[in-house]
Amino acid sequence: MERTANPRVKICCISSIEEAWIAIRCGASALGLVSYMPSGPGVIPEELIAKIAACVPPPIATFLLTSSLDAQEIIQQVTRCGTNTVQICDCLESGSYQDIRDALPGISIVQVIHVTTEKSLDEAISVAPYVDAILLDSGNQSLLIKELGGTGRLHDWNLSAKIREQVNVPIFLAGGLKPENVA
């Protein structure tokens, strides 16, 4: 993924082939297909993710959103689903980004950073060399039931701007976007 002068738009929580085509006709650059999450909206079965991903033409990106913490499990999940991008919504605890890259050549890796404190900046700087893009969101991984996206909340966009200045990979902005603030 390369930086672009114009923003790309990813529509998340696609739940049918029909929704995918509506998003594509409306100009989406990417579609988010949500697999199991501990909380939040839009979860669909892997079989449906695979059906939707199979009908999406290039150059539209199909993002598998995963809450898995294990690189080998992520590799298996992407293989089953057939997406061209994996969005890792939590922190890897087992394996590495390189394991994923080696097993899935050509698959883009997007790491979610939940922007909560200045620590988020350090996290983004540390993962940036290993991923194709970072998605800044408003989840909270420290809750008993983790929030890994879909909260509809804004986070501190000043902190997001600091992250943008410090990392040299594309950035996706998520969390609380609506017509009044998206510009």
N, C-alpha and C. Protein backbone atom coordinates (compact mmCIF):
# COMPACT_ATOMS: atom_id res chain seq x y z
N MET A 1 0.83 -1.17 0.00
CA MET A 1 0.00 0.00 0.00
C MET A 1 0.88 1.23 0.00
N GLU A 2 0.55 2.17 -0.87
CA GLU A 2 1.30 3.41 -0.93
C GLU A 2 0.42 4.56 -0.50
N ARG A 3 1.06 5.62 -0.05
CA ARG A 3 0.32 6.82 0.30
C ARG A 3 -0.35 7.36 -0.94
N THR A 4 -1.51 7.97 -0.75
CA THR A 4 -2.23 8.58 -1.86
C THR A 4 -2.56 10.02 -1.52
N ALA A 5 -2.71 10.83 -2.55
CA ALA A 5 -3.08 12.22 -2.34
C ALA A 5 -4.54 12.31 -1.89
N ASN A 6 -5.36 11.44 -2.42
CA ASN A 6 -6.78 11.42 -2.05
C ASN A 6 -7.04 10.31 -1.06
N PRO A 7 -7.90 10.56 -0.09
CA PRO A 7 -8.20 9.50 0.88
C PRO A 7 -8.86 8.29 0.22
N ARG A 8 -8.56 7.14 0.76
CA ARG A 8 -9.26 5.92 0.40
C ARG A 8 -10.33 5.70 1.45
N VAL A 9 -11.42 5.05 1.05
CA VAL A 9 -12.51 4.81 1.98
C VAL A 9 -12.72 3.30 2.11
N LYS A 10 -12.72 2.84 3.35
CA LYS A 10 -13.03 1.44 3.64
C LYS A 10 -14.38 1.41 4.33
N ILE A 11 -15.30 0.64 3.76
CA ILE A 11 -16.61 0.45 4.39
C ILE A 11 -16.55 -0.86 5.15
N CYS A 12 -16.80 -0.78 6.44
CA CYS A 12 -16.66 -1.96 7.28
C CYS A 12 -18.03 -2.57 7.56
N CYS A 13 -18.01 -3.78 8.11
CA CYS A 13 -19.20 -4.53 8.50
C CYS A 13 -20.06 -4.91 7.30
N ILE A 14 -19.43 -5.18 6.17
CA ILE A 14 -20.16 -5.68 5.01
C ILE A 14 -20.69 -7.06 5.38
N SER A 15 -21.99 -7.29 5.12
CA SER A 15 -22.57 -8.56 5.56
C SER A 15 -23.24 -9.36 4.44
N SER A 16 -23.12 -8.88 3.20
CA SER A 16 -23.69 -9.63 2.08
C SER A 16 -23.01 -9.21 0.79
N ILE A 17 -23.17 -10.04 -0.23
CA ILE A 17 -22.64 -9.69 -1.55
C ILE A 17 -23.31 -8.42 -2.05
N GLU A 18 -24.59 -8.27 -1.80
CA GLU A 18 -25.32 -7.07 -2.23
C GLU A 18 -24.75 -5.81 -1.58
N GLU A 19 -24.48 -5.87 -0.28
CA GLU A 19 -23.87 -4.72 0.40
C GLU A 19 -22.49 -4.41 -0.16
N ALA A 20 -21.74 -5.44 -0.48
CA ALA A 20 -20.42 -5.23 -1.06
C ALA A 20 -20.53 -4.43 -2.36
N TRP A 21 -21.45 -4.82 -3.21
CA TRP A 21 -21.60 -4.12 -4.50
C TRP A 21 -22.14 -2.70 -4.33
N ILE A 22 -22.99 -2.48 -3.36
CA ILE A 22 -23.46 -1.11 -3.09
C ILE A 22 -22.26 -0.25 -2.69
N ALA A 23 -21.43 -0.76 -1.77
CA ALA A 23 -20.25 0.00 -1.32
C ALA A 23 -19.31 0.28 -2.48
N ILE A 24 -19.09 -0.71 -3.33
CA ILE A 24 -18.19 -0.54 -4.48
C ILE A 24 -18.75 0.51 -5.43
N ARG A 25 -20.05 0.44 -5.72
CA ARG A 25 -20.67 1.43 -6.63
C ARG A 25 -20.62 2.84 -6.04
N CYS A 26 -20.60 2.94 -4.73
CA CYS A 26 -20.52 4.25 -4.07
C CYS A 26 -19.09 4.74 -3.91
N GLY A 27 -18.11 3.98 -4.38
CA GLY A 27 -16.73 4.46 -4.39
C GLY A 27 -15.81 3.89 -3.34
N ALA A 28 -16.23 2.86 -2.63
CA ALA A 28 -15.34 2.28 -1.62
C ALA A 28 -14.07 1.73 -2.26
N SER A 29 -12.96 1.94 -1.60
CA SER A 29 -11.67 1.39 -2.02
C SER A 29 -11.40 0.05 -1.36
N ALA A 30 -12.10 -0.18 -0.24
CA ALA A 30 -11.87 -1.39 0.54
C ALA A 30 -13.15 -1.77 1.28
N LEU A 31 -13.29 -3.07 1.53
CA LEU A 31 -14.44 -3.59 2.26
C LEU A 31 -13.94 -4.34 3.49
N GLY A 32 -14.55 -4.06 4.64
CA GLY A 32 -14.20 -4.74 5.88
C GLY A 32 -15.16 -5.88 6.14
N LEU A 33 -14.60 -7.07 6.33
CA LEU A 33 -15.37 -8.29 6.57
C LEU A 33 -14.97 -8.79 7.95
N VAL A 34 -15.90 -8.72 8.90
CA VAL A 34 -15.59 -8.92 10.31
C VAL A 34 -15.80 -10.37 10.71
N SER A 35 -14.71 -11.03 11.11
CA SER A 35 -14.81 -12.37 11.68
C SER A 35 -15.03 -12.23 13.18
N TYR A 36 -14.98 -13.34 13.90
CA TYR A 36 -15.26 -13.32 15.33
C TYR A 36 -14.54 -12.17 16.05
N MET A 37 -15.30 -11.45 16.87
CA MET A 37 -14.78 -10.40 17.75
C MET A 37 -15.41 -10.59 19.13
N PRO A 38 -14.71 -10.19 20.19
CA PRO A 38 -15.29 -10.32 21.52
C PRO A 38 -16.47 -9.39 21.77
N SER A 39 -16.57 -8.32 20.96
CA SER A 39 -17.69 -7.38 21.07
C SER A 39 -17.78 -6.61 19.77
N GLY A 40 -18.84 -5.86 19.61
CA GLY A 40 -18.97 -4.99 18.45
C GLY A 40 -19.85 -5.58 17.35
N PRO A 41 -20.17 -4.75 16.37
CA PRO A 41 -21.10 -5.14 15.32
C PRO A 41 -20.43 -5.81 14.12
N GLY A 42 -21.28 -6.39 13.27
CA GLY A 42 -20.86 -6.78 11.94
C GLY A 42 -20.24 -8.14 11.76
N VAL A 43 -20.19 -8.96 12.81
CA VAL A 43 -19.55 -10.27 12.70
C VAL A 43 -20.37 -11.16 11.76
N ILE A 44 -19.67 -11.80 10.82
CA ILE A 44 -20.30 -12.76 9.92
C ILE A 44 -19.45 -14.04 9.88
N PRO A 45 -20.05 -15.17 9.49
CA PRO A 45 -19.28 -16.42 9.44
C PRO A 45 -18.19 -16.37 8.37
N GLU A 46 -17.13 -17.13 8.61
CA GLU A 46 -16.02 -17.18 7.65
C GLU A 46 -16.48 -17.65 6.27
N GLU A 47 -17.45 -18.53 6.21
CA GLU A 47 -17.95 -19.01 4.92
C GLU A 47 -18.52 -17.86 4.10
N LEU A 48 -19.24 -16.95 4.76
CA LEU A 48 -19.81 -15.79 4.07
C LEU A 48 -18.71 -14.81 3.69
N ILE A 49 -17.72 -14.64 4.55
CA ILE A 49 -16.58 -13.78 4.22
C ILE A 49 -15.94 -14.28 2.93
N ALA A 50 -15.73 -15.58 2.83
CA ALA A 50 -15.10 -16.17 1.63
C ALA A 50 -15.96 -15.92 0.39
N LYS A 51 -17.28 -16.06 0.50
CA LYS A 51 -18.16 -15.83 -0.65
C LYS A 51 -18.10 -14.38 -1.11
N ILE A 52 -18.12 -13.46 -0.16
CA ILE A 52 -18.07 -12.04 -0.51
C ILE A 52 -16.71 -11.71 -1.13
N ALA A 53 -15.63 -12.14 -0.49
CA ALA A 53 -14.28 -11.84 -1.00
C ALA A 53 -14.10 -12.37 -2.41
N ALA A 54 -14.67 -13.51 -2.71
CA ALA A 54 -14.51 -14.13 -4.03
C ALA A 54 -15.18 -13.33 -5.14
N CYS A 55 -16.16 -12.50 -4.82
CA CYS A 55 -16.88 -11.77 -5.87
C CYS A 55 -16.40 -10.33 -6.03
N VAL A 56 -15.45 -9.90 -5.21
CA VAL A 56 -14.98 -8.51 -5.25
C VAL A 56 -13.83 -8.38 -6.25
N PRO A 57 -13.98 -7.49 -7.22
CA PRO A 57 -12.94 -7.36 -8.25
C PRO A 57 -11.77 -6.50 -7.77
N PRO A 58 -10.58 -6.75 -8.34
CA PRO A 58 -9.49 -5.82 -8.10
C PRO A 58 -9.86 -4.49 -8.74
N PRO A 59 -9.45 -3.39 -8.25
CA PRO A 59 -8.45 -3.17 -7.20
C PRO A 59 -9.05 -3.00 -5.80
N ILE A 60 -10.30 -3.39 -5.60
CA ILE A 60 -10.94 -3.23 -4.29
C ILE A 60 -10.28 -4.19 -3.29
N ALA A 61 -9.88 -3.66 -2.15
CA ALA A 61 -9.27 -4.49 -1.11
C ALA A 61 -10.36 -5.13 -0.26
N THR A 62 -10.15 -6.40 0.07
CA THR A 62 -11.04 -7.09 0.98
C THR A 62 -10.28 -7.35 2.28
N PHE A 63 -10.73 -6.73 3.36
CA PHE A 63 -10.06 -6.81 4.66
C PHE A 63 -10.75 -7.86 5.52
N LEU A 64 -10.00 -8.87 5.96
CA LEU A 64 -10.47 -9.78 6.98
C LEU A 64 -10.12 -9.16 8.33
N LEU A 65 -11.11 -8.79 9.12
CA LEU A 65 -10.86 -8.28 10.46
C LEU A 65 -10.79 -9.46 11.40
N THR A 66 -9.67 -9.60 12.10
CA THR A 66 -9.47 -10.73 13.00
C THR A 66 -9.09 -10.25 14.40
N SER A 67 -9.59 -10.98 15.39
CA SER A 67 -9.21 -10.71 16.77
C SER A 67 -8.18 -11.71 17.27
N SER A 68 -7.72 -12.59 16.38
CA SER A 68 -6.74 -13.60 16.77
C SER A 68 -5.43 -12.95 17.21
N LEU A 69 -4.79 -13.58 18.17
CA LEU A 69 -3.51 -13.11 18.70
C LEU A 69 -2.34 -13.97 18.20
N ASP A 70 -2.65 -14.97 17.37
CA ASP A 70 -1.68 -15.97 16.96
C ASP A 70 -1.46 -15.92 15.45
N ALA A 71 -0.21 -15.74 15.02
CA ALA A 71 0.10 -15.60 13.60
C ALA A 71 -0.33 -16.83 12.80
N GLN A 72 -0.10 -18.03 13.32
CA GLN A 72 -0.48 -19.24 12.58
C GLN A 72 -2.00 -19.34 12.41
N GLU A 73 -2.72 -18.97 13.44
CA GLU A 73 -4.19 -18.96 13.35
C GLU A 73 -4.66 -17.93 12.32
N ILE A 74 -4.01 -16.78 12.30
CA ILE A 74 -4.35 -15.74 11.33
C ILE A 74 -4.08 -16.24 9.91
N ILE A 75 -2.96 -16.90 9.71
CA ILE A 75 -2.63 -17.45 8.39
C ILE A 75 -3.72 -18.42 7.94
N GLN A 76 -4.13 -19.30 8.82
CA GLN A 76 -5.19 -20.26 8.48
C GLN A 76 -6.50 -19.56 8.18
N GLN A 77 -6.81 -18.55 8.95
CA GLN A 77 -8.06 -17.81 8.76
C GLN A 77 -8.07 -17.08 7.42
N VAL A 78 -6.99 -16.40 7.07
CA VAL A 78 -6.92 -15.70 5.78
C VAL A 78 -7.01 -16.70 4.64
N THR A 79 -6.36 -17.84 4.78
CA THR A 79 -6.41 -18.87 3.75
C THR A 79 -7.84 -19.35 3.55
N ARG A 80 -8.57 -19.57 4.62
CA ARG A 80 -9.97 -20.01 4.51
C ARG A 80 -10.86 -18.94 3.89
N CYS A 81 -10.59 -17.68 4.22
CA CYS A 81 -11.48 -16.59 3.80
C CYS A 81 -11.14 -16.01 2.43
N GLY A 82 -9.90 -16.11 2.00
CA GLY A 82 -9.53 -15.64 0.67
C GLY A 82 -9.52 -14.14 0.48
N THR A 83 -9.32 -13.39 1.56
CA THR A 83 -9.21 -11.94 1.43
C THR A 83 -7.80 -11.56 0.98
N ASN A 84 -7.66 -10.32 0.49
CA ASN A 84 -6.33 -9.88 0.05
C ASN A 84 -5.63 -9.01 1.09
N THR A 85 -6.30 -8.79 2.22
CA THR A 85 -5.75 -7.97 3.30
C THR A 85 -6.20 -8.57 4.63
N VAL A 86 -5.33 -8.52 5.63
CA VAL A 86 -5.73 -8.92 6.98
C VAL A 86 -5.57 -7.71 7.89
N GLN A 87 -6.63 -7.42 8.64
CA GLN A 87 -6.62 -6.34 9.61
C GLN A 87 -6.57 -6.98 10.99
N ILE A 88 -5.42 -6.85 11.64
CA ILE A 88 -5.20 -7.45 12.96
C ILE A 88 -5.68 -6.44 14.00
N CYS A 89 -6.76 -6.78 14.69
CA CYS A 89 -7.44 -5.83 15.58
C CYS A 89 -6.93 -5.84 17.00
N ASP A 90 -6.02 -6.73 17.32
CA ASP A 90 -5.43 -6.82 18.65
C ASP A 90 -3.93 -6.99 18.45
N CYS A 91 -3.19 -7.19 19.50
CA CYS A 91 -1.73 -7.34 19.41
C CYS A 91 -1.36 -8.80 19.24
N LEU A 92 -0.43 -9.06 18.32
CA LEU A 92 0.07 -10.43 18.18
C LEU A 92 0.77 -10.85 19.47
N GLU A 93 0.43 -12.04 19.94
CA GLU A 93 1.10 -12.59 21.12
C GLU A 93 1.95 -13.80 20.77
N SER A 94 1.64 -14.43 19.62
CA SER A 94 2.37 -15.62 19.21
C SER A 94 2.67 -15.51 17.72
N GLY A 95 3.93 -15.73 17.37
CA GLY A 95 4.34 -15.58 15.98
C GLY A 95 4.64 -14.12 15.67
N SER A 96 4.84 -13.87 14.36
CA SER A 96 5.25 -12.53 13.97
C SER A 96 4.59 -12.10 12.67
N TYR A 97 4.69 -10.82 12.37
CA TYR A 97 4.23 -10.32 11.08
C TYR A 97 4.99 -11.00 9.95
N GLN A 98 6.27 -11.27 10.16
CA GLN A 98 7.06 -11.94 9.12
C GLN A 98 6.55 -13.34 8.86
N ASP A 99 6.10 -14.03 9.89
CA ASP A 99 5.50 -15.36 9.69
C ASP A 99 4.29 -15.25 8.76
N ILE A 100 3.47 -14.24 8.99
CA ILE A 100 2.28 -14.04 8.15
C ILE A 100 2.71 -13.69 6.73
N ARG A 101 3.65 -12.78 6.60
CA ARG A 101 4.13 -12.36 5.28
C ARG A 101 4.74 -13.53 4.50
N ASP A 102 5.53 -14.36 5.19
CA ASP A 102 6.16 -15.51 4.53
C ASP A 102 5.12 -16.53 4.05
N ALA A 103 4.10 -16.76 4.88
CA ALA A 103 3.09 -17.76 4.55
C ALA A 103 2.07 -17.26 3.53
N LEU A 104 1.88 -15.95 3.48
CA LEU A 104 0.84 -15.36 2.63
C LEU A 104 1.42 -14.26 1.74
N PRO A 105 2.31 -14.60 0.81
CA PRO A 105 2.89 -13.56 -0.04
C PRO A 105 1.78 -12.84 -0.81
N GLY A 106 1.91 -11.55 -0.89
CA GLY A 106 0.92 -10.76 -1.61
C GLY A 106 -0.24 -10.27 -0.76
N ILE A 107 -0.36 -10.77 0.45
CA ILE A 107 -1.43 -10.32 1.35
C ILE A 107 -0.93 -9.10 2.11
N SER A 108 -1.74 -8.05 2.12
CA SER A 108 -1.38 -6.85 2.88
C SER A 108 -1.74 -7.04 4.35
N ILE A 109 -0.90 -6.48 5.22
CA ILE A 109 -1.10 -6.58 6.66
C ILE A 109 -1.37 -5.18 7.20
N VAL A 110 -2.52 -5.03 7.87
CA VAL A 110 -2.90 -3.77 8.50
C VAL A 110 -3.04 -4.02 9.99
N GLN A 111 -2.32 -3.26 10.79
CA GLN A 111 -2.40 -3.40 12.25
C GLN A 111 -3.25 -2.27 12.81
N VAL A 112 -4.22 -2.63 13.64
CA VAL A 112 -5.04 -1.64 14.33
C VAL A 112 -4.28 -1.15 15.56
N ILE A 113 -4.26 0.14 15.73
CA ILE A 113 -3.76 0.76 16.96
C ILE A 113 -4.95 1.46 17.60
N HIS A 114 -5.27 1.05 18.82
CA HIS A 114 -6.37 1.69 19.54
C HIS A 114 -5.80 2.91 20.25
N VAL A 115 -6.17 4.08 19.78
CA VAL A 115 -5.58 5.33 20.25
C VAL A 115 -6.23 5.70 21.58
N THR A 116 -5.49 5.45 22.64
CA THR A 116 -6.01 5.71 23.98
C THR A 116 -5.12 6.66 24.78
N THR A 117 -3.81 6.48 24.67
CA THR A 117 -2.84 7.30 25.41
C THR A 117 -1.62 7.53 24.53
N GLU A 118 -0.65 8.26 25.05
CA GLU A 118 0.62 8.47 24.34
C GLU A 118 1.31 7.14 24.03
N LYS A 119 1.01 6.10 24.78
CA LYS A 119 1.57 4.78 24.53
C LYS A 119 1.19 4.29 23.13
N SER A 120 0.06 4.76 22.62
CA SER A 120 -0.38 4.39 21.27
C SER A 120 0.63 4.84 20.22
N LEU A 121 1.25 5.98 20.44
CA LEU A 121 2.28 6.48 19.53
C LEU A 121 3.47 5.52 19.50
N ASP A 122 3.92 5.09 20.67
CA ASP A 122 5.03 4.14 20.74
C ASP A 122 4.67 2.82 20.05
N GLU A 123 3.44 2.36 20.26
CA GLU A 123 3.00 1.11 19.64
C GLU A 123 3.02 1.24 18.13
N ALA A 124 2.50 2.36 17.60
CA ALA A 124 2.47 2.57 16.14
C ALA A 124 3.88 2.61 15.57
N ILE A 125 4.78 3.32 16.24
CA ILE A 125 6.17 3.42 15.76
C ILE A 125 6.82 2.03 15.75
N SER A 126 6.53 1.21 16.75
CA SER A 126 7.18 -0.10 16.82
C SER A 126 6.65 -1.09 15.78
N VAL A 127 5.38 -1.00 15.38
CA VAL A 127 4.85 -1.97 14.40
C VAL A 127 4.99 -1.49 12.96
N ALA A 128 5.12 -0.20 12.74
CA ALA A 128 5.13 0.36 11.38
C ALA A 128 6.11 -0.32 10.43
N PRO A 129 7.33 -0.66 10.85
CA PRO A 129 8.25 -1.28 9.89
C PRO A 129 7.82 -2.67 9.40
N TYR A 130 6.86 -3.28 10.08
CA TYR A 130 6.49 -4.66 9.78
C TYR A 130 5.15 -4.82 9.08
N VAL A 131 4.41 -3.72 8.93
CA VAL A 131 3.07 -3.79 8.35
C VAL A 131 2.96 -2.89 7.13
N ASP A 132 1.91 -3.11 6.35
CA ASP A 132 1.69 -2.31 5.15
C ASP A 132 0.91 -1.04 5.45
N ALA A 133 0.16 -1.02 6.54
CA ALA A 133 -0.62 0.15 6.94
C ALA A 133 -1.02 -0.01 8.40
N ILE A 134 -1.42 1.11 8.98
CA ILE A 134 -1.93 1.14 10.35
C ILE A 134 -3.33 1.74 10.30
N LEU A 135 -4.24 1.17 11.09
CA LEU A 135 -5.58 1.71 11.22
C LEU A 135 -5.73 2.21 12.64
N LEU A 136 -6.03 3.50 12.78
CA LEU A 136 -6.18 4.12 14.09
C LEU A 136 -7.66 4.08 14.47
N ASP A 137 -7.97 3.49 15.62
CA ASP A 137 -9.36 3.30 16.01
C ASP A 137 -9.55 3.64 17.48
N SER A 138 -10.78 3.50 17.94
CA SER A 138 -11.18 3.95 19.27
C SER A 138 -11.58 2.81 20.19
N GLY A 139 -10.99 1.66 20.02
CA GLY A 139 -11.30 0.53 20.89
C GLY A 139 -10.59 0.62 22.22
N ASN A 140 -10.78 -0.42 23.01
CA ASN A 140 -10.13 -0.49 24.31
C ASN A 140 -9.83 -1.96 24.60
N GLN A 141 -8.56 -2.33 24.49
CA GLN A 141 -8.13 -3.71 24.69
C GLN A 141 -8.00 -4.08 26.16
N SER A 142 -8.08 -3.11 27.06
CA SER A 142 -7.85 -3.41 28.47
C SER A 142 -9.13 -3.76 29.23
N LEU A 143 -10.28 -3.70 28.57
CA LEU A 143 -11.53 -4.05 29.22
C LEU A 143 -11.65 -5.56 29.39
N LEU A 144 -12.46 -6.00 30.33
CA LEU A 144 -12.68 -7.42 30.53
C LEU A 144 -13.19 -8.07 29.24
N ILE A 145 -14.16 -7.42 28.58
CA ILE A 145 -14.58 -7.82 27.24
C ILE A 145 -14.00 -6.77 26.31
N LYS A 146 -12.96 -7.14 25.58
CA LYS A 146 -12.23 -6.19 24.76
C LYS A 146 -13.14 -5.53 23.72
N GLU A 147 -12.89 -4.23 23.50
CA GLU A 147 -13.50 -3.50 22.38
C GLU A 147 -12.41 -3.36 21.33
N LEU A 148 -12.59 -4.02 20.19
CA LEU A 148 -11.57 -4.01 19.14
C LEU A 148 -12.05 -3.26 17.91
N GLY A 149 -13.07 -2.43 18.06
CA GLY A 149 -13.59 -1.64 16.96
C GLY A 149 -15.10 -1.59 17.02
N GLY A 150 -15.66 -0.78 16.13
CA GLY A 150 -17.11 -0.67 16.05
C GLY A 150 -17.75 0.06 17.21
N THR A 151 -16.98 0.88 17.92
CA THR A 151 -17.55 1.59 19.07
C THR A 151 -18.32 2.84 18.68
N GLY A 152 -17.98 3.42 17.53
CA GLY A 152 -18.60 4.67 17.12
C GLY A 152 -18.07 5.89 17.87
N ARG A 153 -17.06 5.68 18.70
CA ARG A 153 -16.49 6.79 19.48
C ARG A 153 -15.32 7.43 18.75
N LEU A 154 -15.18 8.73 18.97
CA LEU A 154 -13.99 9.45 18.52
C LEU A 154 -12.86 9.19 19.50
N HIS A 155 -11.63 9.23 18.99
CA HIS A 155 -10.48 9.24 19.88
C HIS A 155 -9.76 10.58 19.69
N ASP A 156 -8.64 10.74 20.34
CA ASP A 156 -7.89 11.99 20.28
C ASP A 156 -7.19 12.11 18.93
N TRP A 157 -7.78 12.88 18.02
CA TRP A 157 -7.20 13.01 16.68
C TRP A 157 -5.89 13.79 16.70
N ASN A 158 -5.62 14.55 17.75
CA ASN A 158 -4.30 15.19 17.87
C ASN A 158 -3.23 14.13 18.05
N LEU A 159 -3.55 13.09 18.82
CA LEU A 159 -2.62 11.98 18.98
C LEU A 159 -2.48 11.21 17.67
N SER A 160 -3.57 11.06 16.94
CA SER A 160 -3.51 10.42 15.62
C SER A 160 -2.61 11.21 14.68
N ALA A 161 -2.69 12.53 14.74
CA ALA A 161 -1.83 13.37 13.89
C ALA A 161 -0.36 13.16 14.24
N LYS A 162 -0.05 13.02 15.53
CA LYS A 162 1.34 12.73 15.93
C LYS A 162 1.79 11.39 15.36
N ILE A 163 0.90 10.41 15.39
CA ILE A 163 1.24 9.10 14.83
C ILE A 163 1.51 9.26 13.34
N ARG A 164 0.65 9.99 12.64
CA ARG A 164 0.82 10.21 11.19
C ARG A 164 2.19 10.83 10.90
N GLU A 165 2.63 11.76 11.74
CA GLU A 165 3.92 12.42 11.53
C GLU A 165 5.09 11.49 11.78
N GLN A 166 4.92 10.49 12.63
CA GLN A 166 6.04 9.65 13.06
C GLN A 166 6.21 8.34 12.30
N VAL A 167 5.17 7.92 11.57
CA VAL A 167 5.28 6.63 10.87
C VAL A 167 5.25 6.85 9.37
N ASN A 168 5.89 5.93 8.65
CA ASN A 168 6.01 6.08 7.20
C ASN A 168 5.26 4.97 6.47
N VAL A 169 4.06 4.67 6.95
CA VAL A 169 3.17 3.74 6.26
C VAL A 169 1.80 4.42 6.14
N PRO A 170 0.98 3.98 5.22
CA PRO A 170 -0.37 4.56 5.12
C PRO A 170 -1.15 4.40 6.43
N ILE A 171 -2.01 5.36 6.66
CA ILE A 171 -2.85 5.38 7.87
C ILE A 171 -4.31 5.37 7.45
N PHE A 172 -5.09 4.52 8.10
CA PHE A 172 -6.54 4.56 8.00
C PHE A 172 -7.04 5.17 9.31
N LEU A 173 -8.02 6.07 9.23
CA LEU A 173 -8.62 6.66 10.42
C LEU A 173 -10.00 6.08 10.59
N ALA A 174 -10.29 5.58 11.78
CA ALA A 174 -11.60 4.99 12.08
C ALA A 174 -12.04 5.48 13.45
N GLY A 175 -13.29 5.25 13.73
CA GLY A 175 -13.82 5.58 15.06
C GLY A 175 -14.54 6.90 15.09
N GLY A 176 -15.85 6.85 15.10
CA GLY A 176 -16.66 8.05 15.26
C GLY A 176 -16.74 8.93 14.03
N LEU A 177 -16.40 8.40 12.87
CA LEU A 177 -16.50 9.20 11.64
C LEU A 177 -17.96 9.34 11.26
N LYS A 178 -18.35 10.57 10.90
CA LYS A 178 -19.71 10.84 10.44
C LYS A 178 -19.67 12.03 9.51
N PRO A 179 -20.75 12.32 8.81
CA PRO A 179 -20.73 13.40 7.81
C PRO A 179 -20.23 14.73 8.36
N GLU A 180 -20.48 15.01 9.62
CA GLU A 180 -20.10 16.28 10.20
C GLU A 180 -18.60 16.43 10.44
N ASN A 181 -17.86 15.33 10.54
CA ASN A 181 -16.44 15.45 10.89
C ASN A 181 -15.50 14.77 9.90
N VAL A 182 -16.03 14.07 8.90
CA VAL A 182 -15.16 13.28 8.04
C VAL A 182 -14.21 14.13 7.21
N ALA A 183 -14.60 15.33 6.85
CA ALA A 183 -13.72 16.22 6.06
C ALA A 183 -12.51 16.59 6.89
